[in-house]
Protein backbone atom coordinates (compact mmCIF):
# COMPACT_ATOMS: atom_id res chain seq x y z
CA MET A 1 -44.85 -24.60 -27.62
CA THR A 2 -42.35 -24.13 -30.47
CA GLN A 3 -43.67 -25.00 -33.92
CA ASN A 4 -41.66 -27.29 -35.79
CA ARG A 5 -39.95 -25.50 -38.95
CA LEU A 6 -40.49 -28.49 -41.00
CA ASP A 7 -44.36 -28.39 -41.21
CA VAL A 8 -44.74 -27.86 -44.98
CA ASN A 9 -41.23 -29.08 -46.66
CA HIS A 10 -41.27 -32.42 -46.03
CA PRO A 11 -38.07 -34.54 -47.84
CA PRO A 12 -39.28 -37.08 -50.32
CA ILE A 13 -37.31 -40.18 -49.10
CA ILE A 14 -37.34 -41.42 -45.79
CA GLN A 15 -34.20 -43.69 -44.78
CA GLY A 16 -35.84 -46.62 -43.09
CA GLY A 17 -35.40 -46.71 -38.99
CA MET A 18 -34.07 -50.24 -38.42
CA GLY A 19 -33.27 -51.49 -35.33
CA VAL A 20 -31.37 -52.50 -33.76
CA ALA A 21 -28.80 -50.12 -34.53
CA ILE A 22 -28.75 -50.94 -38.33
CA SER A 23 -30.08 -47.46 -38.99
CA ASN A 24 -27.12 -46.08 -36.55
CA TRP A 25 -26.41 -42.20 -36.59
CA THR A 26 -23.48 -42.57 -39.30
CA LEU A 27 -26.22 -43.84 -41.86
CA ALA A 28 -28.86 -41.01 -40.48
CA ARG A 29 -26.16 -38.36 -40.77
CA ALA A 30 -25.25 -39.48 -44.20
CA VAL A 31 -28.74 -39.04 -45.79
CA ALA A 32 -29.38 -36.12 -43.92
CA ILE A 33 -26.18 -34.42 -45.31
CA GLU A 34 -27.72 -35.57 -49.02
CA GLY A 35 -30.86 -33.34 -48.36
CA GLN A 36 -33.01 -36.47 -47.58
CA MET A 37 -34.75 -37.46 -43.61
CA GLY A 38 -32.10 -39.90 -42.18
CA VAL A 39 -33.32 -41.80 -39.24
CA VAL A 40 -32.17 -43.17 -36.18
CA SER A 41 -33.41 -46.29 -34.23
CA GLY A 42 -34.53 -45.86 -31.00
CA THR A 43 -34.94 -49.78 -30.31
CA GLY A 44 -32.72 -51.30 -28.00
CA ILE A 45 -30.54 -47.91 -27.92
CA ASP A 46 -29.73 -48.15 -24.39
CA THR A 47 -28.12 -51.51 -24.58
CA VAL A 48 -26.44 -50.14 -27.84
CA LEU A 49 -25.17 -47.13 -26.08
CA THR A 50 -23.51 -49.32 -23.09
CA ARG A 51 -22.05 -51.88 -25.41
CA ARG A 52 -20.36 -48.90 -27.72
CA LEU A 53 -18.68 -47.80 -24.23
CA GLN A 54 -17.43 -51.19 -23.44
CA LEU A 55 -16.11 -51.74 -27.14
CA GLY A 56 -14.19 -48.35 -25.92
CA ASP A 57 -16.06 -45.83 -27.56
CA ILE A 58 -14.23 -46.24 -30.82
CA GLY A 59 -13.89 -42.77 -32.57
CA GLY A 60 -14.53 -40.91 -29.66
CA HIS A 61 -18.07 -39.99 -30.70
CA ILE A 62 -20.14 -40.61 -27.65
CA ARG A 63 -17.61 -38.76 -25.26
CA ARG A 64 -18.29 -35.74 -28.00
CA ALA A 65 -21.84 -36.11 -27.34
CA PHE A 66 -21.52 -36.89 -23.37
CA ASP A 67 -20.12 -33.48 -23.33
CA HIS A 68 -22.89 -31.65 -25.04
CA PHE A 69 -25.48 -33.55 -22.78
CA PRO A 70 -27.38 -30.88 -20.76
CA ILE A 71 -27.64 -32.73 -17.78
CA PRO A 72 -23.78 -33.81 -17.32
CA GLU A 73 -24.11 -35.90 -13.96
CA ILE A 74 -25.90 -38.40 -16.04
CA ALA A 75 -23.41 -38.65 -18.57
CA GLU A 76 -20.57 -38.66 -16.12
CA GLN A 77 -22.32 -42.01 -14.37
CA VAL A 78 -23.15 -43.70 -17.41
CA TRP A 79 -19.74 -43.29 -18.44
CA GLU A 80 -17.89 -44.34 -15.23
CA ARG A 81 -20.43 -47.56 -14.96
CA TYR A 82 -19.91 -48.57 -18.52
CA PHE A 83 -16.74 -47.16 -20.43
CA VAL A 84 -13.41 -49.49 -21.15
CA ALA A 85 -10.15 -47.83 -22.12
CA GLY A 86 -9.30 -49.90 -25.15
CA GLY A 87 -12.43 -52.07 -25.36
CA LYS A 88 -13.13 -55.11 -23.13
CA ASP A 89 -11.66 -58.32 -23.57
CA PRO A 90 -13.27 -60.50 -26.34
CA ASP A 91 -13.63 -63.16 -24.04
CA VAL A 92 -15.69 -61.06 -21.30
CA PRO A 93 -19.32 -60.65 -21.75
CA PHE A 94 -21.07 -57.06 -21.80
CA LYS A 95 -22.05 -55.95 -18.51
CA SER A 96 -25.78 -56.15 -17.83
CA LYS A 97 -27.93 -52.98 -17.48
CA PRO A 98 -31.47 -52.15 -16.31
CA VAL A 99 -34.37 -54.07 -18.04
CA PRO A 100 -37.60 -52.32 -19.08
CA GLY A 101 -40.35 -52.39 -16.12
CA ILE A 102 -43.23 -50.04 -15.70
CA LYS A 103 -41.64 -49.46 -12.36
CA ALA A 104 -38.17 -49.37 -13.61
CA PRO A 105 -35.27 -47.78 -11.49
CA LYS A 106 -34.62 -44.01 -12.31
CA ALA A 107 -31.21 -45.04 -14.06
CA PHE A 108 -33.04 -47.03 -16.16
CA THR A 109 -35.03 -43.80 -17.26
CA ASP A 110 -31.68 -41.48 -17.52
CA LEU A 111 -29.88 -44.34 -19.38
CA VAL A 112 -32.71 -44.13 -22.27
CA ILE A 113 -32.78 -40.58 -22.15
CA LEU A 114 -28.95 -40.15 -22.34
CA ALA A 115 -28.86 -42.74 -25.46
CA ASN A 116 -31.72 -41.32 -27.52
CA TYR A 117 -30.08 -38.02 -27.11
CA VAL A 118 -26.74 -39.14 -28.40
CA GLU A 119 -28.04 -40.80 -31.21
CA VAL A 120 -29.56 -37.69 -32.32
CA PHE A 121 -27.39 -35.60 -31.69
CA LEU A 122 -24.43 -37.44 -33.76
CA ALA A 123 -26.99 -37.70 -36.46
CA LYS A 124 -27.67 -33.86 -36.51
CA GLU A 125 -24.04 -32.90 -35.97
CA GLY A 126 -22.62 -30.32 -38.24
CA HIS A 127 -25.05 -29.75 -41.18
CA PRO A 128 -28.70 -28.34 -41.19
CA GLY A 129 -30.41 -31.74 -42.61
CA VAL A 130 -33.49 -33.43 -41.38
CA VAL A 131 -33.36 -36.45 -38.71
CA GLY A 132 -35.86 -38.39 -37.54
CA LEU A 133 -36.36 -41.17 -34.60
CA ASN A 134 -38.11 -44.71 -35.28
CA LEU A 135 -39.48 -46.46 -32.27
CA LEU A 136 -42.00 -49.61 -32.08
CA GLU A 137 -45.16 -49.30 -30.09
CA LYS A 138 -44.68 -52.99 -29.15
CA ILE A 139 -41.89 -51.45 -27.06
CA GLN A 140 -43.88 -49.17 -25.02
CA ILE A 141 -41.87 -48.72 -21.61
CA PRO A 142 -38.89 -46.75 -22.75
CA ASN A 143 -40.98 -44.87 -25.35
CA VAL A 144 -41.61 -41.77 -23.45
CA ALA A 145 -38.22 -41.47 -21.96
CA SER A 146 -36.91 -42.11 -25.79
CA LEU A 147 -38.94 -39.19 -26.89
CA TYR A 148 -37.87 -37.08 -24.46
CA GLY A 149 -33.84 -37.51 -24.89
CA ALA A 150 -34.39 -37.30 -28.80
CA MET A 151 -36.70 -34.16 -28.25
CA LEU A 152 -33.47 -32.64 -25.98
CA ALA A 153 -31.08 -33.21 -28.94
CA GLY A 154 -33.88 -31.48 -31.31
CA VAL A 155 -35.12 -34.21 -33.60
CA ASP A 156 -37.26 -33.42 -36.14
CA TYR A 157 -39.48 -36.40 -36.73
CA VAL A 158 -40.41 -39.18 -35.01
CA ILE A 159 -41.94 -42.56 -36.41
CA MET A 160 -43.59 -45.16 -35.12
CA GLY A 161 -45.39 -48.64 -36.08
CA ALA A 162 -45.64 -52.13 -34.81
CA GLY A 163 -48.93 -51.30 -33.22
CA ILE A 164 -51.69 -48.42 -32.60
CA PRO A 165 -49.49 -45.25 -31.93
CA ARG A 166 -52.07 -43.10 -30.79
CA ALA A 167 -51.00 -41.84 -27.58
CA ILE A 168 -47.80 -40.40 -29.07
CA PRO A 169 -49.39 -37.10 -30.49
CA LYS A 170 -50.41 -36.10 -27.02
CA ILE A 171 -47.31 -37.26 -25.31
CA LEU A 172 -45.19 -35.04 -27.78
CA ASP A 173 -47.84 -32.02 -27.20
CA HIS A 174 -46.85 -32.30 -23.26
CA LEU A 175 -42.87 -32.64 -23.70
CA SER A 176 -42.42 -30.04 -25.81
CA ALA A 177 -44.69 -27.85 -23.24
CA GLY A 178 -42.14 -29.23 -20.54
CA THR A 179 -45.61 -30.60 -18.50
CA PRO A 180 -45.57 -34.36 -17.56
CA ALA A 181 -46.37 -36.87 -19.61
CA GLU A 182 -47.80 -40.36 -19.25
CA MET A 183 -47.90 -43.72 -21.32
CA GLU A 184 -50.82 -46.73 -20.68
CA ILE A 185 -49.03 -49.53 -20.80
CA ASN A 186 -50.82 -52.47 -22.20
CA VAL A 187 -51.20 -55.47 -19.49
CA THR A 188 -52.42 -58.64 -20.23
CA GLY A 189 -55.00 -59.38 -18.03
CA SER A 190 -55.63 -55.88 -16.54
CA GLU A 191 -58.72 -53.86 -16.14
CA ALA A 192 -59.10 -50.34 -17.46
CA GLY A 193 -58.30 -47.54 -15.24
CA ALA A 194 -55.75 -49.36 -13.47
CA THR A 195 -53.29 -46.61 -11.90
CA ASP A 196 -50.13 -48.96 -11.75
CA THR A 197 -49.75 -49.62 -15.57
CA ARG A 198 -48.57 -46.06 -16.45
CA VAL A 199 -44.97 -44.72 -17.20
CA ARG A 200 -44.84 -41.19 -16.27
CA LEU A 201 -42.29 -38.72 -17.04
CA ASP A 202 -41.90 -35.12 -15.85
CA PRO A 203 -39.63 -32.84 -17.53
CA SER A 204 -39.05 -30.73 -14.67
CA ASP A 205 -37.19 -33.52 -12.87
CA TYR A 206 -34.49 -32.99 -15.54
CA LEU A 207 -34.24 -29.49 -17.16
CA GLY A 208 -37.97 -28.53 -17.66
CA GLY A 209 -38.93 -25.67 -20.21
CA GLU A 210 -40.22 -26.13 -23.71
CA LEU A 211 -38.53 -27.86 -26.48
CA LYS A 212 -39.35 -28.16 -30.15
CA ARG A 213 -42.21 -30.35 -31.06
CA PRO A 214 -41.14 -32.78 -33.66
CA ASN A 215 -43.93 -34.34 -36.28
CA PHE A 216 -44.99 -37.69 -35.62
CA LEU A 217 -45.64 -40.03 -38.72
CA ALA A 218 -47.52 -43.23 -37.69
CA VAL A 219 -46.56 -46.34 -39.65
CA VAL A 220 -49.75 -47.86 -41.12
CA SER A 221 -50.96 -50.73 -43.03
CA SER A 222 -54.81 -50.45 -43.47
CA THR A 223 -57.00 -47.61 -43.98
CA MET A 224 -59.16 -48.42 -40.96
CA LEU A 225 -55.90 -47.68 -38.84
CA GLY A 226 -55.37 -44.73 -40.74
CA GLN A 227 -58.94 -43.22 -40.10
CA LEU A 228 -58.61 -43.98 -36.74
CA LEU A 229 -55.37 -41.88 -36.30
CA ALA A 230 -56.53 -38.82 -38.29
CA LYS A 231 -59.99 -38.87 -37.67
CA ARG A 232 -60.84 -40.60 -34.49
CA ALA A 233 -57.86 -40.06 -31.97
CA GLU A 234 -57.95 -37.12 -29.02
CA ARG A 235 -54.93 -35.72 -30.83
CA PRO A 236 -54.12 -36.71 -34.63
CA VAL A 237 -51.06 -37.81 -36.43
CA ASP A 238 -49.29 -35.53 -38.29
CA GLY A 239 -48.69 -37.69 -41.10
CA PHE A 240 -48.40 -41.45 -42.68
CA VAL A 241 -45.99 -43.82 -43.65
CA ILE A 242 -48.18 -46.44 -45.58
CA GLU A 243 -46.20 -49.89 -45.41
CA GLY A 244 -47.12 -53.17 -47.50
CA ALA A 245 -46.30 -56.61 -46.65
CA THR A 246 -43.41 -56.73 -48.45
CA ALA A 247 -41.61 -54.35 -46.15
CA GLY A 248 -38.60 -55.93 -43.94
CA GLY A 249 -38.83 -56.53 -40.02
CA HIS A 250 -42.50 -56.81 -38.54
CA ASN A 251 -45.39 -57.11 -40.87
CA ALA A 252 -48.93 -56.45 -39.91
CA PRO A 253 -50.60 -60.04 -39.84
CA PRO A 254 -53.08 -60.54 -42.80
CA ARG A 255 -56.59 -59.45 -42.72
CA GLY A 256 -59.41 -61.70 -42.74
CA GLN A 257 -58.78 -65.35 -42.73
CA TYR A 258 -54.98 -66.17 -41.59
CA GLU A 259 -53.92 -69.08 -43.77
CA LEU A 260 -50.12 -70.05 -44.83
CA ASN A 261 -48.89 -70.58 -48.15
CA GLU A 262 -47.13 -73.95 -49.20
CA ARG A 263 -43.78 -72.54 -47.45
CA GLY A 264 -45.61 -71.74 -44.34
CA GLU A 265 -45.71 -67.98 -44.75
CA PRO A 266 -48.96 -65.73 -44.41
CA ILE A 267 -50.91 -64.93 -47.28
CA TYR A 268 -51.75 -61.42 -48.23
CA THR A 269 -54.70 -60.32 -50.37
CA GLU A 270 -56.49 -57.41 -51.62
CA LYS A 271 -57.97 -56.99 -48.13
CA ASP A 272 -54.53 -55.91 -47.13
CA GLN A 273 -54.01 -53.29 -49.50
CA PRO A 274 -54.96 -49.45 -48.22
CA ASP A 275 -57.07 -47.38 -50.08
CA LEU A 276 -54.77 -44.33 -51.15
CA ALA A 277 -57.74 -42.42 -52.11
CA LYS A 278 -58.93 -42.34 -48.09
CA PHE A 279 -55.24 -41.10 -47.15
CA ARG A 280 -55.52 -38.23 -49.59
CA GLU A 281 -58.96 -37.53 -48.13
CA TYR A 282 -57.44 -37.21 -44.69
CA GLY A 283 -55.22 -34.00 -45.82
CA LEU A 284 -51.93 -35.25 -44.15
CA PRO A 285 -48.87 -35.94 -46.05
CA PHE A 286 -48.18 -39.65 -46.39
CA TRP A 287 -45.06 -41.74 -47.69
CA MET A 288 -45.37 -45.45 -49.16
CA ALA A 289 -43.02 -48.22 -48.08
CA GLY A 290 -42.40 -51.77 -48.85
CA SER A 291 -40.38 -52.43 -52.04
CA TYR A 292 -40.93 -48.66 -52.96
CA ALA A 293 -37.03 -48.13 -53.70
CA SER A 294 -37.53 -47.73 -57.70
CA ARG A 295 -41.11 -46.37 -57.19
CA LEU A 296 -40.65 -42.76 -55.90
CA ARG A 297 -42.58 -40.96 -58.91
CA GLU A 298 -45.24 -43.62 -58.77
CA ALA A 299 -45.96 -42.82 -55.15
CA GLN A 300 -45.98 -39.16 -55.87
CA ALA A 301 -48.30 -39.80 -58.60
CA GLU A 302 -50.64 -41.13 -56.09
CA GLY A 303 -50.47 -38.15 -53.98
CA ALA A 304 -47.48 -39.10 -51.61
CA VAL A 305 -45.28 -36.87 -50.52
CA GLY A 306 -42.46 -39.73 -51.52
CA VAL A 307 -41.27 -43.23 -50.15
CA GLN A 308 -39.65 -44.76 -47.40
CA VAL A 309 -36.92 -47.27 -47.77
CA GLY A 310 -35.06 -49.77 -45.80
CA THR A 311 -33.64 -52.69 -47.12
CA ALA A 312 -31.51 -50.59 -49.62
CA PHE A 313 -30.30 -48.39 -46.94
CA ALA A 314 -29.55 -51.54 -44.87
CA TYR A 315 -26.99 -52.87 -46.81
CA CYS A 316 -24.99 -49.55 -47.54
CA GLU A 317 -21.34 -49.04 -46.23
CA GLU A 318 -22.77 -46.60 -43.41
CA SER A 319 -25.06 -48.72 -41.83
CA GLY A 320 -24.48 -50.43 -38.52
CA LEU A 321 -25.32 -54.09 -40.27
CA ARG A 322 -22.13 -56.24 -39.65
CA PRO A 323 -19.73 -55.87 -42.51
CA ASP A 324 -19.53 -59.54 -43.54
CA LEU A 325 -22.83 -60.37 -42.93
CA ARG A 326 -23.44 -57.39 -45.51
CA ALA A 327 -20.80 -58.77 -48.16
CA GLN A 328 -22.43 -62.51 -47.60
CA VAL A 329 -25.89 -60.95 -48.36
CA ILE A 330 -24.68 -59.07 -51.43
CA GLN A 331 -23.01 -61.87 -52.64
CA GLN A 332 -26.03 -63.86 -52.50
CA VAL A 333 -28.24 -61.12 -54.67
CA ARG A 334 -25.28 -61.41 -57.32
CA ALA A 335 -25.61 -65.26 -57.28
CA GLY A 336 -29.49 -64.96 -57.27
CA THR A 337 -29.84 -67.21 -54.48
CA VAL A 338 -31.04 -64.61 -51.50
CA ASP A 339 -33.81 -65.80 -49.74
CA VAL A 340 -36.41 -64.16 -47.14
CA PHE A 341 -38.89 -66.02 -45.26
CA THR A 342 -41.85 -64.05 -43.83
CA ASP A 343 -41.79 -66.34 -40.77
CA PRO A 344 -44.98 -66.32 -38.53
CA LEU A 345 -43.83 -67.47 -35.53
CA ALA A 346 -40.28 -65.89 -35.20
CA SER A 347 -41.31 -62.65 -33.41
CA PRO A 348 -42.56 -63.34 -29.90
CA THR A 349 -44.81 -60.30 -30.25
CA GLY A 350 -47.04 -63.05 -32.71
CA PHE A 351 -46.34 -60.26 -35.75
CA PRO A 352 -44.59 -62.08 -39.03
CA PHE A 353 -41.03 -61.16 -39.02
CA LYS A 354 -38.87 -60.99 -42.30
CA VAL A 355 -35.99 -63.05 -42.16
CA VAL A 356 -33.19 -63.75 -44.48
CA GLN A 357 -31.89 -67.39 -44.79
CA GLN A 358 -28.54 -67.62 -43.96
CA ALA A 359 -26.33 -70.55 -42.49
CA GLY A 360 -24.94 -69.60 -39.26
CA THR A 361 -27.62 -67.46 -38.21
CA MET A 362 -31.01 -67.75 -36.16
CA SER A 363 -32.74 -68.98 -39.82
CA ASP A 364 -30.22 -71.66 -39.78
CA PRO A 365 -32.06 -74.79 -37.93
CA ALA A 366 -28.76 -75.73 -36.53
CA ALA A 367 -28.10 -72.46 -34.76
CA TYR A 368 -31.39 -71.75 -33.50
CA GLY A 369 -31.20 -75.58 -32.00
CA GLU A 370 -28.01 -74.91 -30.60
CA ARG A 371 -28.70 -71.74 -28.58
CA THR A 372 -29.74 -71.68 -25.17
CA ARG A 373 -33.15 -69.61 -24.59
CA ILE A 374 -33.09 -66.98 -22.28
CA CYS A 375 -34.64 -63.51 -21.90
CA ASP A 376 -32.17 -60.92 -20.33
CA LEU A 377 -32.76 -57.66 -22.57
CA GLY A 378 -36.51 -57.86 -22.13
CA TYR A 379 -37.64 -55.17 -25.03
CA LEU A 380 -40.11 -57.62 -26.14
CA ARG A 381 -41.54 -58.94 -23.17
CA GLU A 382 -45.49 -58.94 -22.26
CA ALA A 383 -46.75 -57.19 -19.19
CA TYR A 384 -49.07 -59.41 -17.72
CA ARG A 385 -51.50 -59.10 -14.18
CA THR A 386 -50.61 -62.24 -12.17
CA PRO A 387 -53.37 -63.86 -9.81
CA ASP A 388 -52.25 -62.14 -6.59
CA GLY A 389 -52.84 -58.37 -9.11
CA LYS A 390 -49.15 -57.60 -9.45
CA ILE A 391 -47.84 -57.04 -12.65
CA GLY A 392 -45.15 -59.77 -14.27
CA TYR A 393 -43.38 -60.12 -17.57
CA ARG A 394 -43.22 -62.88 -19.64
CA CYS A 395 -41.44 -63.43 -23.53
CA ALA A 396 -42.30 -66.40 -25.88
CA SER A 397 -38.68 -66.59 -26.49
CA GLU A 398 -37.49 -67.19 -22.90
CA PRO A 399 -37.03 -70.80 -21.35
CA ASP A 400 -40.06 -73.04 -22.04
CA GLU A 401 -40.49 -73.75 -18.25
CA ASP A 402 -40.42 -70.03 -17.20
CA TYR A 403 -43.04 -69.10 -19.72
CA ILE A 404 -45.67 -71.77 -18.41
CA GLU A 405 -44.63 -70.96 -15.22
CA LYS A 406 -46.03 -67.30 -15.80
CA GLY A 407 -49.16 -68.41 -17.28
CA GLY A 408 -48.15 -68.25 -21.03
CA ASP A 409 -49.65 -70.49 -23.78
CA VAL A 410 -47.33 -73.45 -24.84
CA ALA A 411 -48.45 -73.25 -28.24
CA GLU A 412 -46.91 -69.76 -28.14
CA LEU A 413 -43.35 -71.34 -27.87
CA SER A 414 -42.94 -73.28 -30.98
CA GLY A 415 -40.41 -71.23 -33.53
CA ARG A 416 -39.99 -68.15 -31.51
CA LYS A 417 -36.61 -66.49 -31.64
CA CYS A 418 -34.86 -63.83 -29.42
CA LEU A 419 -35.14 -60.86 -31.67
CA CYS A 420 -33.63 -58.94 -28.98
CA ASN A 421 -30.26 -60.57 -28.58
CA GLY A 422 -30.26 -61.67 -32.49
CA LEU A 423 -30.54 -58.18 -33.60
CA MET A 424 -28.09 -56.81 -31.31
CA ALA A 425 -25.76 -59.52 -32.66
CA THR A 426 -26.69 -58.66 -36.19
CA ALA A 427 -25.26 -54.86 -35.38
CA GLY A 428 -21.62 -56.60 -34.41
CA MET A 429 -22.62 -56.36 -30.24
CA PRO A 430 -23.53 -60.09 -29.64
CA GLN A 431 -23.49 -61.47 -26.00
CA LEU A 432 -21.05 -63.76 -24.83
CA ARG A 433 -22.65 -66.85 -22.34
CA LYS A 434 -20.26 -69.36 -21.28
CA GLY A 435 -17.91 -69.32 -23.93
CA VAL A 436 -20.86 -69.19 -26.48
CA ILE A 437 -21.74 -66.31 -28.86
CA GLU A 438 -25.21 -65.18 -29.72
CA PRO A 439 -26.09 -65.81 -33.60
CA PRO A 440 -27.36 -62.82 -35.59
CA ILE A 441 -30.93 -62.93 -37.30
CA ILE A 442 -30.89 -60.88 -40.23
CA THR A 443 -34.40 -59.16 -41.39
CA SER A 444 -34.61 -57.43 -44.78
CA GLY A 445 -37.79 -56.43 -47.23
CA ASP A 446 -38.64 -58.37 -50.15
CA ASP A 447 -37.00 -55.88 -52.51
CA VAL A 448 -33.57 -57.04 -51.33
CA VAL A 449 -33.17 -59.44 -54.23
CA ASN A 450 -32.86 -56.03 -56.10
CA LEU A 451 -29.96 -54.52 -54.33
CA GLY A 452 -27.71 -54.80 -57.24
CA ARG A 453 -29.11 -51.85 -58.58
CA PHE A 454 -27.25 -50.06 -56.13
CA LEU A 455 -23.57 -51.26 -56.90
CA PRO A 456 -21.26 -49.02 -59.21
CA GLU A 457 -19.28 -50.89 -61.48
CA GLY A 458 -16.88 -53.57 -60.49
CA LYS A 459 -17.62 -52.51 -56.79
CA ASP A 460 -18.80 -54.99 -54.02
CA SER A 461 -20.41 -52.19 -51.63
CA TYR A 462 -22.22 -48.79 -52.19
CA THR A 463 -23.01 -45.74 -49.99
CA ALA A 464 -26.12 -43.84 -48.82
CA ALA A 465 -25.29 -41.33 -51.46
CA ASP A 466 -25.43 -43.87 -54.15
CA VAL A 467 -28.90 -44.97 -53.14
CA ILE A 468 -30.45 -41.50 -53.07
CA ALA A 469 -29.26 -40.75 -56.53
CA LYS A 470 -30.88 -44.13 -57.80
CA LEU A 471 -33.76 -43.16 -55.91
CA LEU A 472 -34.40 -39.71 -57.33
CA ALA A 473 -33.38 -40.85 -60.72
């Protein structure tokens, strides 16, 4: 197994891995060039790739990455199926692609491998900087293929949260050694030891051979989870990102009694504060996250290597956030009217999810009420065992009658939002259905109120380099 050359000199700043396509290769590359860790999001990246191709591969970057992909026949098949010269007509919907499933067709695995390769390749192109890949444990099915594709491109770190990613270190060991890797998929109602709940990838079906093993950082919010992954796991993680409840995206549910404040948000208490002394005892590097954009020295004084920052980078010029949405939020910040709601219902995962309140997005009751419920991307679907012993899939954001027919609890339907389609729209790639465009949904950490600190005098936007300069200062 090839040793990672970055085992000692970890960058103090990690740019958060924000999906879908907010942490794109452009942003990650800009951060890495500045000497910090640029991170690309692997969430939904197969759909992102196919839609970028249908938009005409603006700038020719995907074609350039395809030309370097070591399995050219896969790249050419994807190109022929999805590329539209000059971009598709705005009135034409995006083509569909295979939906994640435990027994997904090879075309799905091929596409996931290729998409992750492309994003990491472009982020690493032309400089010696450090690039990481962010994945979600909640989206299990594509993860082995995502890791393999990123490793083919030489990814330096893998960062994963939204669950307990205890299987990932061993999977990285296997893939780096060129041996088959498996991931057990959580299937509701399935008994332990079932043989049909595993996703398997054999590198010899593609290239084979050894690959550099990236460092693996688990995103955790509790001391207990840190202990599990550092001391009790069969293969320990290489480090941690310790994330508080003020961070954007999905938050861990509060520990203890689940209560809501007067706005309907989960209440976090001292029980939700990690014991940093314990993390120091583990002897593994860690970074602090969640409103740490002005607290680098404070984090380092507590023993951290540094900080992970998401929200500040999400609104910089290089991010994949739709420019008009970015400008609107910055305008709200300047006016002192920006509002982030920790929504306990929005995500079909059941985890609290931070949502910026803005008219015309899915935080707007009118926009939410007008949308027809559909689950056609399927990343956050729950796998479950059907009465006849097969594996089915359901999502609390799909049509009510479909979810209930699949055995879903009717109580789970209220307030659920389609994050898959909403976040794709936020990145400027919304699906069109019967003339109706999918509305976006914007997620940010509580620290969004402080974005003004990054704006140069007299300007309405800022760059990744501006963020890094402020963080280091």
